[in-house]
Amino acid sequence: MQLPPEDHGPSPRTGFTRAHWEAAADTLLAAVEPYATPDRALYHLPGDHQSWSGRLSDGLEGYARTLLLAAFRRDETVLQRYADGLAAGVSGAWPRIEDRSQPLVEAASIALALRLTRPLLWDRLDDAVRQRAAAWLADALTAEPWPCNWELFPVTVGGFLAETGHGPEAAHRAVDRGLARIEDWYVGDGWYTDGDGRKYDYYNGWAMHLYPVLHAWLADDEKLLDLYGGRLERHLADYARLFGGDGAPMHQGRSLTYRFATTAPLWLGALTGRTPLSPGETRRLASGALKYFLDRGAVDAQGLLTLGWHGPDTAVLQGYSGPASPYWASKGFLGLLLPPEHEVWTATEEPGPAERADAVTRIAPANWLLQSTRADGVVRLHNHGSEDVRYDPYYTRLGYSTVTTPSASYDNSVLVGDDPSRTGIEPLGVGEGWAASRHAAGAGARVTAVVLVRGAVEVRAFLVSGAQPGTPVRATGWAAPEGLRSELLPAVGLDDTSTGVTGEGPTLFVALSRLTGAVDAEPLAETVTVRAEGERELTVRWRGGPALRVRWHDSGVDVEHTAED
């Protein structure tokens, strides 16, 4: 991708300015144009990974998701191509929107793009085309969504149709119904689950916050904007900490091929004035993520986004992933709606949280503990509350980070009877420097897990109950990439291979773990001492820091400072 020279005056950390974002958008839009059908209604991008929805739906996806990018770029020449495609699409080229069908998703992108560019696109269409487009979109108002972020697609379509006067009563009903539905999944402190259960991931930012806040903002509804904007602002206080010093987002959850769509809520906060972040920090985090992916092969030699994380990688794909799926990354260009003179574009970049200081951050709704270290910019997520077994291993591992990928060898796991299962996760609390949970494991066992952290060091403790005596238990640590070091030392109940066996009753296993890029880190064994007091109590003493006592009991875990502190 050809970008302007880096400018380290206003952007001392990334070198990226608005010109780089514009050039990236222009390159992506130019690269997909040759893959449009002659009528420009479908974009059949290359690749042999078709989605389960089929070629026609995948072609619609290519149109809708790149249209969204064109809407943020606001290039009238490009938008005219999409106007031609819209006319053909609603004249029979596009599949109908039906219950739980992929076109419902794409209808939301189309409606949002039309709403954002109304004077440039919609208002210039022939009335007959507008009527056919409204009729096609109207099916989204009554189509049954999957019970998750999909509930917001009728909201997005309804907002546009109500604004343009097409079936306003039905449109308002769809908006009200969808917004009421997501209240079931709001768990406080700016966090949603993506439907029932404990599915916490980037869908919080690029769906659960994005659509309601944009709807409220576009509708100029101050009451709604105060509600959803307030939630977004609280969310961003945590969200900003999910980016590493190298710009990488946290490698956790599904649909990771959307890549720098992770920046959408950052821009959204700036766009609506609902953010705790300074303009310079917002741009640093967003530009850092864009640069991270562009530098690592996310865009191929033809200028197309690949299906993967860095380059092509089928490990991060789902059944709904088609050749154009990565173009939900278009959401990351939301910042282009801000004028060039906006302070988010003119301010000098400021360091993000991972660059400022070592930090340990509690995210109570998800029962997550974030651990970041300034020296290497690594952010680690200790997962004691997120689960979606359909997409294991991207939800159910004990740990994720901005520099590692869940491995096939079961990193960050505790294997009971050589079974890595971790289901039925029950959060047991997250506190100052610790998090705990209980889950079902192999061999009919239950594992009550606690992690305690300081700096880059972790104490991982597991009380295993319900397994037959002599059942093998093995703890694993981080699968470190080149340039970083992963360490795992046995401390209680484990041998040099981090393996032990269960006893007659509940059995305690403890290991010390560290993932670090620091070359001069002190020996791991010297950073902390642990001492077991029977099978249900552990004392942890950090070198130069506090001493804590962990007690396991039938209802959970207690972690408290000891008199030694």
Protein backbone atom coordinates (compact mmCIF):
# COMPACT_ATOMS: atom_id res chain seq x y z
CA MET A 1 0.00 0.00 0.00
CA GLN A 2 1.41 3.36 -1.05
CA LEU A 3 1.09 5.86 1.78
CA PRO A 4 2.48 9.38 2.25
CA PRO A 5 5.81 9.71 4.09
CA GLU A 6 5.39 9.41 7.83
CA ASP A 7 5.06 12.71 9.66
CA HIS A 8 6.52 12.47 13.15
CA GLY A 9 5.84 16.08 14.03
CA PRO A 10 2.14 15.78 14.88
CA SER A 11 2.41 12.00 15.16
CA PRO A 12 5.63 11.21 17.02
CA ARG A 13 4.57 7.64 17.80
CA THR A 14 3.00 6.36 14.56
CA GLY A 15 3.90 8.92 11.90
CA PHE A 16 0.31 8.60 10.62
CA THR A 17 -1.90 11.61 9.95
CA ARG A 18 -5.30 12.07 8.35
CA ALA A 19 -3.56 11.88 4.97
CA HIS A 20 -2.50 8.31 5.75
CA TRP A 21 -6.04 7.31 6.64
CA GLU A 22 -7.36 8.89 3.45
CA ALA A 23 -4.71 7.15 1.34
CA ALA A 24 -5.46 3.80 2.98
CA ALA A 25 -9.20 4.24 2.30
CA ASP A 26 -8.57 5.24 -1.31
CA THR A 27 -6.32 2.23 -1.89
CA LEU A 28 -8.84 -0.20 -0.44
CA LEU A 29 -11.68 1.27 -2.50
CA ALA A 30 -9.66 1.25 -5.73
CA ALA A 31 -8.57 -2.35 -5.17
CA VAL A 32 -12.11 -3.74 -4.95
CA GLU A 33 -13.49 -1.92 -7.99
CA PRO A 34 -12.31 -4.52 -10.54
CA TYR A 35 -14.27 -7.21 -8.71
CA ALA A 36 -17.65 -5.51 -9.11
CA THR A 37 -20.17 -7.10 -11.42
CA PRO A 38 -20.92 -5.08 -14.57
CA ASP A 39 -23.98 -3.53 -12.90
CA ARG A 40 -21.88 -2.81 -9.76
CA ALA A 41 -24.47 -4.42 -7.47
CA LEU A 42 -22.17 -7.20 -6.24
CA TYR A 43 -18.48 -7.43 -5.42
CA HIS A 44 -17.11 -10.94 -5.85
CA LEU A 45 -13.72 -10.68 -4.23
CA PRO A 46 -11.14 -13.42 -4.85
CA GLY A 47 -10.53 -16.25 -2.43
CA ASP A 48 -11.56 -19.85 -1.91
CA HIS A 49 -13.13 -19.40 1.55
CA GLN A 50 -16.81 -18.90 0.80
CA SER A 51 -19.25 -18.30 3.62
CA TRP A 52 -22.08 -20.64 4.46
CA SER A 53 -24.51 -18.06 3.01
CA GLY A 54 -23.34 -18.66 -0.56
CA ARG A 55 -21.86 -16.68 -3.42
CA LEU A 56 -24.77 -14.27 -3.97
CA SER A 57 -24.85 -13.20 -0.33
CA ASP A 58 -21.07 -12.91 -0.30
CA GLY A 59 -21.28 -10.58 -3.29
CA LEU A 60 -23.80 -8.40 -1.48
CA GLU A 61 -21.46 -8.35 1.50
CA GLY A 62 -18.71 -7.05 -0.77
CA TYR A 63 -20.94 -4.20 -1.94
CA ALA A 64 -22.29 -3.26 1.50
CA ARG A 65 -19.07 -3.28 3.48
CA THR A 66 -17.06 -1.35 0.93
CA LEU A 67 -19.95 1.12 0.52
CA LEU A 68 -19.58 1.83 4.22
CA LEU A 69 -15.93 2.75 3.61
CA ALA A 70 -16.95 4.97 0.69
CA ALA A 71 -19.48 6.69 2.95
CA PHE A 72 -16.83 7.57 5.52
CA ARG A 73 -14.50 8.76 2.73
CA ARG A 74 -17.27 10.88 1.15
CA ASP A 75 -15.74 10.76 -2.32
CA GLU A 76 -18.55 11.73 -4.70
CA THR A 77 -17.02 9.93 -7.68
CA VAL A 78 -16.77 6.67 -5.76
CA LEU A 79 -20.24 7.11 -4.29
CA GLN A 80 -21.69 7.38 -7.78
CA ARG A 81 -20.43 3.89 -8.55
CA TYR A 82 -22.26 2.64 -5.49
CA ALA A 83 -25.39 4.57 -6.51
CA ASP A 84 -25.36 2.64 -9.78
CA GLY A 85 -24.94 -0.61 -7.86
CA LEU A 86 -27.78 0.27 -5.53
CA ALA A 87 -30.15 0.83 -8.44
CA ALA A 88 -29.28 -2.57 -9.88
CA GLY A 89 -29.29 -4.32 -6.53
CA VAL A 90 -32.81 -3.29 -5.54
CA SER A 91 -34.04 -4.11 -9.04
CA GLY A 92 -33.46 -7.80 -8.50
CA ALA A 93 -29.72 -8.43 -8.22
CA TRP A 94 -29.69 -8.68 -4.42
CA PRO A 95 -31.08 -11.55 -2.34
CA ARG A 96 -34.07 -10.79 -0.14
CA ILE A 97 -33.67 -10.06 3.55
CA GLU A 98 -35.09 -13.02 5.43
CA ASP A 99 -35.09 -14.27 9.01
CA ARG A 100 -31.58 -14.71 10.40
CA SER A 101 -30.03 -14.27 6.97
CA GLN A 102 -26.74 -12.55 6.16
CA PRO A 103 -28.44 -9.88 4.00
CA LEU A 104 -29.91 -8.49 7.22
CA VAL A 105 -26.38 -7.67 8.36
CA GLU A 106 -25.49 -6.05 5.06
CA ALA A 107 -28.73 -4.05 4.99
CA ALA A 108 -27.56 -2.28 8.14
CA SER A 109 -24.29 -1.23 6.48
CA ILE A 110 -26.17 0.00 3.42
CA ALA A 111 -28.71 1.93 5.49
CA LEU A 112 -26.03 3.50 7.66
CA ALA A 113 -24.02 4.53 4.59
CA LEU A 114 -27.09 6.05 2.95
CA ARG A 115 -27.94 7.94 6.11
CA LEU A 116 -24.42 9.32 6.47
CA THR A 117 -24.22 10.45 2.84
CA ARG A 118 -27.83 11.38 2.20
CA PRO A 119 -27.17 14.65 0.28
CA LEU A 120 -24.44 13.00 -1.79
CA LEU A 121 -26.14 9.73 -2.69
CA TRP A 122 -29.72 9.09 -1.59
CA ASP A 123 -31.12 12.52 -2.44
CA ARG A 124 -29.67 12.28 -5.96
CA LEU A 125 -31.30 8.96 -6.81
CA ASP A 126 -34.37 8.71 -9.03
CA ASP A 127 -37.51 8.48 -6.95
CA ALA A 128 -38.31 5.06 -8.37
CA VAL A 129 -34.94 3.77 -7.21
CA ARG A 130 -35.49 5.24 -3.76
CA GLN A 131 -38.87 3.53 -3.51
CA ARG A 132 -37.43 0.16 -4.52
CA ALA A 133 -34.50 0.60 -2.12
CA ALA A 134 -36.84 1.46 0.74
CA ALA A 135 -38.96 -1.58 -0.04
CA TRP A 136 -35.91 -3.86 -0.07
CA LEU A 137 -34.63 -2.42 3.21
CA ALA A 138 -38.07 -2.61 4.83
CA ASP A 139 -37.84 -6.37 5.08
CA ALA A 140 -35.12 -5.81 7.70
CA LEU A 141 -37.70 -4.24 10.01
CA THR A 142 -39.56 -7.52 10.51
CA ALA A 143 -36.90 -10.15 9.74
CA GLU A 144 -36.00 -12.15 12.83
CA PRO A 145 -32.41 -11.46 13.94
CA TRP A 146 -30.18 -13.83 15.81
CA PRO A 147 -30.41 -12.97 19.55
CA CYS A 148 -27.16 -10.99 19.75
CA ASN A 149 -25.75 -7.84 18.17
CA TRP A 150 -27.96 -8.67 15.16
CA GLU A 151 -30.84 -7.05 17.07
CA LEU A 152 -29.23 -3.72 16.17
CA PHE A 153 -29.41 -4.19 12.39
CA PRO A 154 -33.18 -3.50 12.25
CA VAL A 155 -32.49 -0.50 14.48
CA THR A 156 -30.00 0.88 11.98
CA VAL A 157 -32.28 0.29 9.01
CA GLY A 158 -35.27 1.65 10.92
CA GLY A 159 -33.45 4.84 11.80
CA PHE A 160 -32.75 5.56 8.15
CA LEU A 161 -36.23 4.69 6.88
CA ALA A 162 -37.89 6.76 9.61
CA GLU A 163 -35.70 9.72 8.70
CA THR A 164 -36.64 9.47 5.02
CA GLY A 165 -40.34 8.97 5.71
CA HIS A 166 -40.65 5.39 4.45
CA GLY A 167 -42.99 3.42 6.71
CA PRO A 168 -42.11 5.51 9.77
CA GLU A 169 -44.40 3.65 12.16
CA ALA A 170 -42.89 0.26 11.36
CA ALA A 171 -39.43 1.81 11.37
CA HIS A 172 -39.89 3.32 14.82
CA ARG A 173 -41.21 0.01 16.14
CA ALA A 174 -38.11 -1.76 14.88
CA VAL A 175 -35.88 0.83 16.52
CA ASP A 176 -37.67 0.61 19.85
CA ARG A 177 -37.74 -3.19 19.78
CA GLY A 178 -34.03 -3.55 19.08
CA LEU A 179 -32.94 -0.97 21.63
CA ALA A 180 -35.13 -2.61 24.27
CA ARG A 181 -33.62 -5.99 23.45
CA ILE A 182 -30.02 -4.97 24.09
CA GLU A 183 -30.97 -3.80 27.58
CA ASP A 184 -31.15 -7.51 28.46
CA TRP A 185 -27.43 -7.73 27.76
CA TYR A 186 -26.13 -4.55 29.36
CA VAL A 187 -24.21 -5.57 32.47
CA GLY A 188 -22.93 -2.20 33.63
CA ASP A 189 -19.74 -0.13 33.55
CA GLY A 190 -20.00 0.24 29.77
CA TRP A 191 -20.05 -3.49 28.93
CA TYR A 192 -22.52 -5.70 27.10
CA THR A 193 -22.60 -9.41 26.45
CA ASP A 194 -23.12 -10.28 22.80
CA GLY A 195 -26.40 -12.02 23.51
CA ASP A 196 -27.18 -14.42 26.34
CA GLY A 197 -24.28 -15.91 28.25
CA ARG A 198 -20.86 -14.43 28.86
CA LYS A 199 -19.62 -13.44 25.39
CA TYR A 200 -17.30 -10.49 25.88
CA ASP A 201 -15.18 -9.33 22.98
CA TYR A 202 -14.81 -6.57 20.38
CA TYR A 203 -18.48 -6.81 19.45
CA ASN A 204 -18.93 -4.47 22.41
CA GLY A 205 -17.20 -1.73 20.45
CA TRP A 206 -17.90 -2.35 16.79
CA ALA A 207 -21.57 -3.32 17.27
CA MET A 208 -23.17 -2.96 20.72
CA HIS A 209 -21.95 0.63 21.17
CA LEU A 210 -21.49 1.69 17.56
CA TYR A 211 -25.04 1.31 16.26
CA PRO A 212 -27.02 2.79 19.19
CA VAL A 213 -24.67 5.75 19.59
CA LEU A 214 -24.61 6.53 15.86
CA HIS A 215 -28.38 6.22 15.70
CA ALA A 216 -28.83 8.65 18.61
CA TRP A 217 -26.28 11.06 17.14
CA LEU A 218 -27.78 11.01 13.63
CA ALA A 219 -31.31 11.38 15.03
CA ASP A 220 -30.13 14.31 17.19
CA ASP A 221 -31.81 12.58 20.12
CA GLU A 222 -30.07 14.01 23.19
CA LYS A 223 -31.84 11.69 25.61
CA LEU A 224 -30.67 8.59 23.76
CA LEU A 225 -27.23 10.06 23.22
CA ASP A 226 -26.84 10.74 26.91
CA LEU A 227 -27.76 7.12 27.67
CA TYR A 228 -25.71 5.33 25.03
CA GLY A 229 -22.98 7.94 24.87
CA GLY A 230 -22.51 7.71 28.60
CA ARG A 231 -22.10 3.96 28.34
CA LEU A 232 -19.60 4.40 25.50
CA GLU A 233 -17.57 6.88 27.51
CA ARG A 234 -17.34 4.48 30.43
CA HIS A 235 -16.48 1.61 28.09
CA LEU A 236 -13.63 3.52 26.48
CA ALA A 237 -11.90 3.94 29.85
CA ASP A 238 -11.38 0.16 29.82
CA TYR A 239 -11.24 -0.30 26.07
CA ALA A 240 -8.21 1.93 25.57
CA ARG A 241 -6.23 -0.50 27.71
CA LEU A 242 -6.78 -3.36 25.25
CA PHE A 243 -4.19 -1.95 22.82
CA GLY A 244 -0.51 -2.80 23.10
CA GLY A 245 2.40 -0.41 22.78
CA ASP A 246 2.94 -1.65 19.21
CA GLY A 247 -0.65 -0.75 18.27
CA ALA A 248 -1.96 -4.34 18.40
CA PRO A 249 -5.48 -4.96 19.65
CA MET A 250 -6.07 -7.81 22.07
CA HIS A 251 -6.06 -11.18 20.27
CA GLN A 252 -9.30 -12.51 21.73
CA GLY A 253 -12.84 -13.27 20.59
CA ARG A 254 -14.39 -13.97 17.21
CA SER A 255 -14.38 -12.12 13.89
CA LEU A 256 -10.80 -11.01 14.41
CA THR A 257 -10.43 -10.66 10.65
CA TYR A 258 -12.21 -7.30 11.03
CA ARG A 259 -8.86 -6.08 12.40
CA PHE A 260 -8.80 -2.28 12.71
CA ALA A 261 -12.58 -2.13 13.09
CA THR A 262 -11.38 -2.21 16.70
CA THR A 263 -10.72 1.53 16.32
CA ALA A 264 -14.37 2.39 15.60
CA PRO A 265 -15.42 3.08 19.21
CA LEU A 266 -12.35 5.28 19.71
CA TRP A 267 -13.41 7.51 16.80
CA LEU A 268 -17.06 7.30 17.88
CA GLY A 269 -16.22 8.79 21.26
CA ALA A 270 -14.45 11.70 19.59
CA LEU A 271 -17.24 12.16 17.02
CA THR A 272 -19.95 12.44 19.66
CA GLY A 273 -17.93 14.08 22.43
CA ARG A 274 -18.44 11.02 24.65
CA THR A 275 -14.92 9.93 25.48
CA PRO A 276 -12.53 10.07 28.44
CA LEU A 277 -9.58 10.05 26.04
CA SER A 278 -7.70 13.11 24.87
CA PRO A 279 -7.68 13.82 21.12
CA GLY A 280 -3.99 12.92 20.90
CA GLU A 281 -4.51 9.62 22.69
CA THR A 282 -7.50 8.75 20.52
CA ARG A 283 -5.55 9.26 17.32
CA ARG A 284 -2.48 7.48 18.65
CA LEU A 285 -4.47 4.35 19.53
CA ALA A 286 -6.43 4.36 16.27
CA SER A 287 -3.46 5.10 14.01
CA GLY A 288 -1.37 2.61 15.94
CA ALA A 289 -3.84 -0.16 15.14
CA LEU A 290 -4.07 0.76 11.45
CA LYS A 291 -0.29 0.90 11.14
CA TYR A 292 0.11 -2.37 13.05
CA PHE A 293 -1.95 -4.27 10.49
CA LEU A 294 -0.69 -2.51 7.40
CA ASP A 295 2.90 -3.20 8.45
CA ARG A 296 2.16 -6.92 8.91
CA GLY A 297 0.53 -7.95 5.66
CA ALA A 298 -3.18 -7.43 6.30
CA VAL A 299 -3.44 -5.90 2.82
CA ASP A 300 -2.04 -7.95 -0.06
CA ALA A 301 -0.06 -6.75 -3.08
CA GLN A 302 -3.30 -5.96 -4.94
CA GLY A 303 -4.54 -3.75 -2.11
CA LEU A 304 -7.13 -6.23 -0.86
CA LEU A 305 -7.77 -7.11 2.75
CA THR A 306 -7.03 -10.78 3.34
CA LEU A 307 -8.98 -13.25 5.42
CA GLY A 308 -6.88 -13.47 8.55
CA TRP A 309 -5.14 -11.41 11.23
CA HIS A 310 -1.79 -10.31 9.84
CA GLY A 311 -1.84 -12.08 6.49
CA PRO A 312 -4.17 -14.93 5.50
CA ASP A 313 -5.02 -17.14 8.49
CA THR A 314 -7.96 -19.52 8.50
CA ALA A 315 -7.62 -20.05 12.27
CA VAL A 316 -9.45 -16.77 12.96
CA LEU A 317 -12.34 -17.42 10.57
CA GLN A 318 -15.90 -18.55 11.20
CA GLY A 319 -18.47 -20.21 8.96
CA TYR A 320 -19.95 -16.82 8.13
CA SER A 321 -16.60 -15.50 6.90
CA GLY A 322 -16.56 -14.87 3.16
CA PRO A 323 -14.07 -13.12 0.86
CA ALA A 324 -15.48 -9.67 1.69
CA SER A 325 -15.96 -10.21 5.42
CA PRO A 326 -12.73 -8.41 6.38
CA TYR A 327 -14.23 -5.19 5.03
CA TRP A 328 -16.13 -4.64 8.26
CA ALA A 329 -12.72 -3.13 8.95
CA SER A 330 -14.31 -0.19 7.12
CA LYS A 331 -15.79 0.81 10.47
CA GLY A 332 -12.28 1.80 11.52
CA PHE A 333 -12.46 4.74 9.08
CA LEU A 334 -15.28 6.36 11.05
CA GLY A 335 -12.80 9.07 12.05
CA LEU A 336 -12.89 10.48 8.54
CA LEU A 337 -16.33 11.90 9.39
CA LEU A 338 -14.46 14.34 11.61
CA PRO A 339 -13.31 17.39 9.63
CA PRO A 340 -9.57 17.91 9.06
CA GLU A 341 -9.56 20.81 11.50
CA HIS A 342 -11.01 18.73 14.35
CA GLU A 343 -8.64 18.49 17.29
CA VAL A 344 -8.47 14.70 17.03
CA TRP A 345 -6.61 15.28 13.73
CA THR A 346 -4.63 18.37 14.74
CA ALA A 347 -3.49 17.43 18.26
CA THR A 348 -0.09 15.89 18.83
CA GLU A 349 -0.21 12.16 19.50
CA GLU A 350 -0.04 11.19 23.15
CA PRO A 351 0.98 7.78 24.53
CA GLY A 352 -1.66 5.16 25.15
CA PRO A 353 -2.16 3.48 28.53
CA ALA A 354 0.24 0.59 27.82
CA GLU A 355 3.00 3.10 27.05
CA ARG A 356 2.59 5.29 30.11
CA ALA A 357 3.12 2.98 33.07
CA ASP A 358 2.80 -0.60 34.29
CA ALA A 359 -0.82 -1.18 35.21
CA VAL A 360 -3.23 -3.79 36.48
CA THR A 361 -6.85 -3.03 35.63
CA ARG A 362 -10.02 -4.74 36.79
CA ILE A 363 -12.91 -5.13 34.33
CA ALA A 364 -15.58 -6.33 36.71
CA PRO A 365 -18.49 -7.08 34.31
CA ALA A 366 -16.38 -9.51 32.29
CA ASN A 367 -14.40 -10.66 35.34
CA TRP A 368 -11.22 -9.84 33.43
CA LEU A 369 -7.91 -8.65 34.78
CA LEU A 370 -5.67 -6.62 32.44
CA GLN A 371 -1.94 -6.58 33.07
CA SER A 372 0.28 -4.26 31.03
CA THR A 373 3.98 -3.46 31.18
CA ARG A 374 5.48 -0.27 29.81
CA ALA A 375 8.93 -1.71 29.05
CA ASP A 376 7.66 -4.02 26.32
CA GLY A 377 4.18 -2.58 25.66
CA VAL A 378 2.55 -5.97 26.19
CA VAL A 379 -1.03 -6.17 27.46
CA ARG A 380 -2.21 -9.46 28.94
CA LEU A 381 -5.84 -10.34 29.54
CA HIS A 382 -6.54 -12.86 32.31
CA ASN A 383 -9.88 -14.35 31.40
CA HIS A 384 -11.97 -15.44 34.35
CA GLY A 385 -15.39 -14.69 32.96
CA SER A 386 -15.70 -14.85 29.17
CA GLU A 387 -16.91 -17.96 27.42
CA ASP A 388 -18.43 -19.04 24.13
CA VAL A 389 -17.65 -22.70 23.54
CA ARG A 390 -18.64 -22.45 19.86
CA TYR A 391 -15.53 -20.39 19.23
CA ASP A 392 -12.99 -21.94 21.55
CA PRO A 393 -10.06 -21.26 21.82
CA TYR A 394 -10.65 -17.53 21.37
CA TYR A 395 -12.94 -17.25 24.41
CA THR A 396 -12.06 -19.94 26.92
CA ARG A 397 -8.31 -19.80 27.49
CA LEU A 398 -7.06 -18.47 30.81
CA GLY A 399 -5.06 -15.74 29.11
CA TYR A 400 -4.77 -13.66 25.95
CA SER A 401 -2.42 -10.88 24.97
CA THR A 402 -1.63 -8.32 22.30
CA VAL A 403 1.42 -10.32 21.15
CA THR A 404 0.31 -13.96 21.28
CA THR A 405 -2.10 -16.21 19.42
CA PRO A 406 -4.03 -19.11 21.01
CA SER A 407 -2.04 -22.19 20.06
CA ALA A 408 -3.07 -25.70 19.07
CA SER A 409 -0.95 -26.98 21.96
CA TYR A 410 -3.35 -25.45 24.49
CA ASP A 411 -1.44 -22.48 25.84
CA ASN A 412 -2.80 -20.82 28.97
CA SER A 413 -4.75 -23.87 30.06
CA VAL A 414 -4.99 -26.38 32.87
CA LEU A 415 -5.41 -29.91 31.49
CA VAL A 416 -7.08 -32.44 33.77
CA GLY A 417 -6.68 -36.00 32.54
CA ASP A 418 -5.06 -34.58 29.38
CA ASP A 419 -8.35 -32.80 28.59
CA PRO A 420 -8.13 -29.02 28.01
CA SER A 421 -11.88 -28.44 28.46
CA ARG A 422 -12.94 -25.24 30.19
CA THR A 423 -16.69 -24.87 30.20
CA GLY A 424 -19.37 -23.51 32.50
CA ILE A 425 -17.09 -20.69 33.62
CA GLU A 426 -18.34 -19.16 36.86
CA PRO A 427 -16.80 -15.80 37.78
CA LEU A 428 -15.70 -15.64 41.41
CA GLY A 429 -14.46 -12.09 41.53
CA VAL A 430 -11.75 -9.71 40.40
CA GLY A 431 -9.85 -7.49 42.77
CA GLU A 432 -6.67 -5.49 43.21
CA GLY A 433 -4.14 -7.60 41.34
CA TRP A 434 -6.15 -10.84 41.20
CA ALA A 435 -9.02 -12.62 39.47
CA ALA A 436 -10.75 -15.94 40.13
CA SER A 437 -13.22 -18.32 38.52
CA ARG A 438 -14.49 -21.88 38.61
CA HIS A 439 -15.04 -24.13 35.60
CA ALA A 440 -15.79 -27.66 34.55
CA ALA A 441 -12.71 -29.55 33.33
CA GLY A 442 -11.82 -33.01 32.06
CA ALA A 443 -12.23 -36.24 34.01
CA GLY A 444 -15.38 -34.92 35.69
CA ALA A 445 -13.36 -32.35 37.65
CA ARG A 446 -14.04 -28.80 38.72
CA VAL A 447 -11.19 -26.31 38.80
CA THR A 448 -11.23 -23.22 40.97
CA ALA A 449 -8.58 -20.95 39.47
CA VAL A 450 -6.93 -17.83 40.81
CA VAL A 451 -4.34 -15.59 39.17
CA LEU A 452 -2.36 -12.95 41.05
CA VAL A 453 -0.20 -10.49 39.10
CA ARG A 454 2.47 -7.86 39.62
CA GLY A 455 4.59 -6.29 36.90
CA ALA A 456 4.91 -8.98 34.24
CA VAL A 457 4.75 -11.85 36.74
CA GLU A 458 1.76 -14.11 37.42
CA VAL A 459 1.00 -16.63 40.11
CA ARG A 460 -1.47 -19.17 38.72
CA ALA A 461 -3.17 -21.40 41.29
CA PHE A 462 -5.67 -24.19 40.63
CA LEU A 463 -7.66 -26.19 43.16
CA VAL A 464 -8.82 -29.36 41.36
CA SER A 465 -11.71 -31.30 42.88
CA GLY A 466 -13.91 -34.16 41.75
CA ALA A 467 -11.25 -36.07 39.79
CA GLN A 468 -10.20 -39.61 40.60
CA PRO A 469 -7.00 -39.87 42.70
CA GLY A 470 -3.95 -40.09 40.45
CA THR A 471 -5.50 -38.08 37.61
CA PRO A 472 -2.76 -36.13 35.81
CA VAL A 473 -2.97 -32.34 35.86
CA ARG A 474 -0.82 -30.13 33.64
CA ALA A 475 -0.53 -26.35 33.56
CA THR A 476 0.58 -24.47 30.46
CA GLY A 477 1.80 -20.93 29.96
CA TRP A 478 2.15 -18.47 27.11
CA ALA A 479 3.02 -19.44 23.55
CA ALA A 480 5.53 -16.64 23.02
CA PRO A 481 6.37 -15.34 19.55
CA GLU A 482 9.88 -14.48 18.44
CA GLY A 483 11.33 -11.61 20.42
CA LEU A 484 9.48 -12.40 23.64
CA ARG A 485 10.09 -14.92 26.37
CA SER A 486 7.59 -17.20 28.06
CA GLU A 487 8.42 -18.80 31.42
CA LEU A 488 6.52 -21.29 33.55
CA LEU A 489 7.95 -22.52 36.85
CA PRO A 490 6.34 -25.14 39.13
CA ALA A 491 5.66 -23.92 42.65
CA VAL A 492 3.18 -26.28 44.36
CA GLY A 493 2.09 -29.78 43.32
CA LEU A 494 3.83 -29.71 39.93
CA ASP A 495 7.08 -31.21 38.67
CA ASP A 496 9.57 -29.69 36.25
CA THR A 497 7.23 -30.38 33.33
CA SER A 498 4.46 -28.50 35.17
CA THR A 499 2.58 -31.77 35.66
CA GLY A 500 1.16 -33.26 38.83
CA VAL A 501 -1.49 -35.74 39.97
CA THR A 502 -4.58 -35.37 42.09
CA GLY A 503 -4.75 -36.76 45.60
CA GLU A 504 -7.61 -38.26 47.59
CA GLY A 505 -9.42 -34.93 47.83
CA PRO A 506 -9.17 -31.42 46.41
CA THR A 507 -5.59 -30.86 45.26
CA LEU A 508 -3.75 -27.58 44.85
CA PHE A 509 -1.43 -26.83 41.93
CA VAL A 510 0.52 -23.58 41.57
CA ALA A 511 2.86 -22.26 38.89
CA LEU A 512 4.70 -19.00 38.30
CA SER A 513 4.31 -17.57 34.82
CA ARG A 514 5.73 -14.67 32.85
CA LEU A 515 5.46 -13.32 29.31
CA THR A 516 7.98 -10.56 28.72
CA GLY A 517 9.99 -8.69 26.15
CA ALA A 518 12.37 -7.30 28.74
CA VAL A 519 15.92 -8.58 28.24
CA ASP A 520 17.09 -7.73 31.76
CA ALA A 521 14.20 -9.16 33.78
CA GLU A 522 15.21 -10.57 37.15
CA PRO A 523 14.93 -14.35 37.54
CA LEU A 524 11.30 -15.36 37.80
CA ALA A 525 11.88 -17.47 40.93
CA GLU A 526 13.17 -14.38 42.75
CA THR A 527 10.16 -12.19 42.06
CA VAL A 528 7.68 -13.91 44.37
CA THR A 529 7.45 -16.65 46.98
CA VAL A 530 4.45 -18.89 47.52
CA ARG A 531 3.66 -21.18 50.40
CA ALA A 532 0.78 -23.64 50.62
CA GLU A 533 -1.00 -24.04 53.94
CA GLY A 534 -2.80 -27.34 53.42
CA GLU A 535 -4.90 -27.84 50.30
CA ARG A 536 -7.11 -24.75 50.55
CA GLU A 537 -4.82 -21.90 51.51
CA LEU A 538 -1.91 -20.17 49.82
CA THR A 539 0.31 -17.28 50.88
CA VAL A 540 1.85 -15.17 48.13
CA ARG A 541 4.61 -12.70 48.93
CA TRP A 542 5.72 -10.30 46.20
CA ARG A 543 9.33 -9.19 46.37
CA GLY A 544 9.27 -5.55 47.44
CA GLY A 545 5.50 -5.65 47.52
CA PRO A 546 2.50 -6.94 49.40
CA ALA A 547 1.77 -10.36 50.86
CA LEU A 548 -1.62 -11.93 50.17
CA ARG A 549 -3.48 -14.96 51.40
CA VAL A 550 -5.77 -16.99 49.14
CA ARG A 551 -8.39 -19.22 50.73
CA TRP A 552 -10.57 -21.63 48.79
CA HIS A 553 -13.98 -22.62 50.16
CA ASP A 554 -17.12 -24.23 48.81
CA SER A 555 -18.70 -20.96 47.68
CA GLY A 556 -15.61 -19.46 46.08
CA VAL A 557 -12.30 -17.80 46.88
CA ASP A 558 -11.15 -15.09 49.27
CA VAL A 559 -8.05 -13.01 48.58
CA GLU A 560 -6.81 -10.66 51.29
CA HIS A 561 -3.68 -8.88 52.45
CA THR A 562 -1.94 -10.62 55.32
CA ALA A 563 -0.37 -9.32 58.50
CA GLU A 564 3.02 -9.89 56.82
CA ASP A 565 2.29 -7.03 54.44
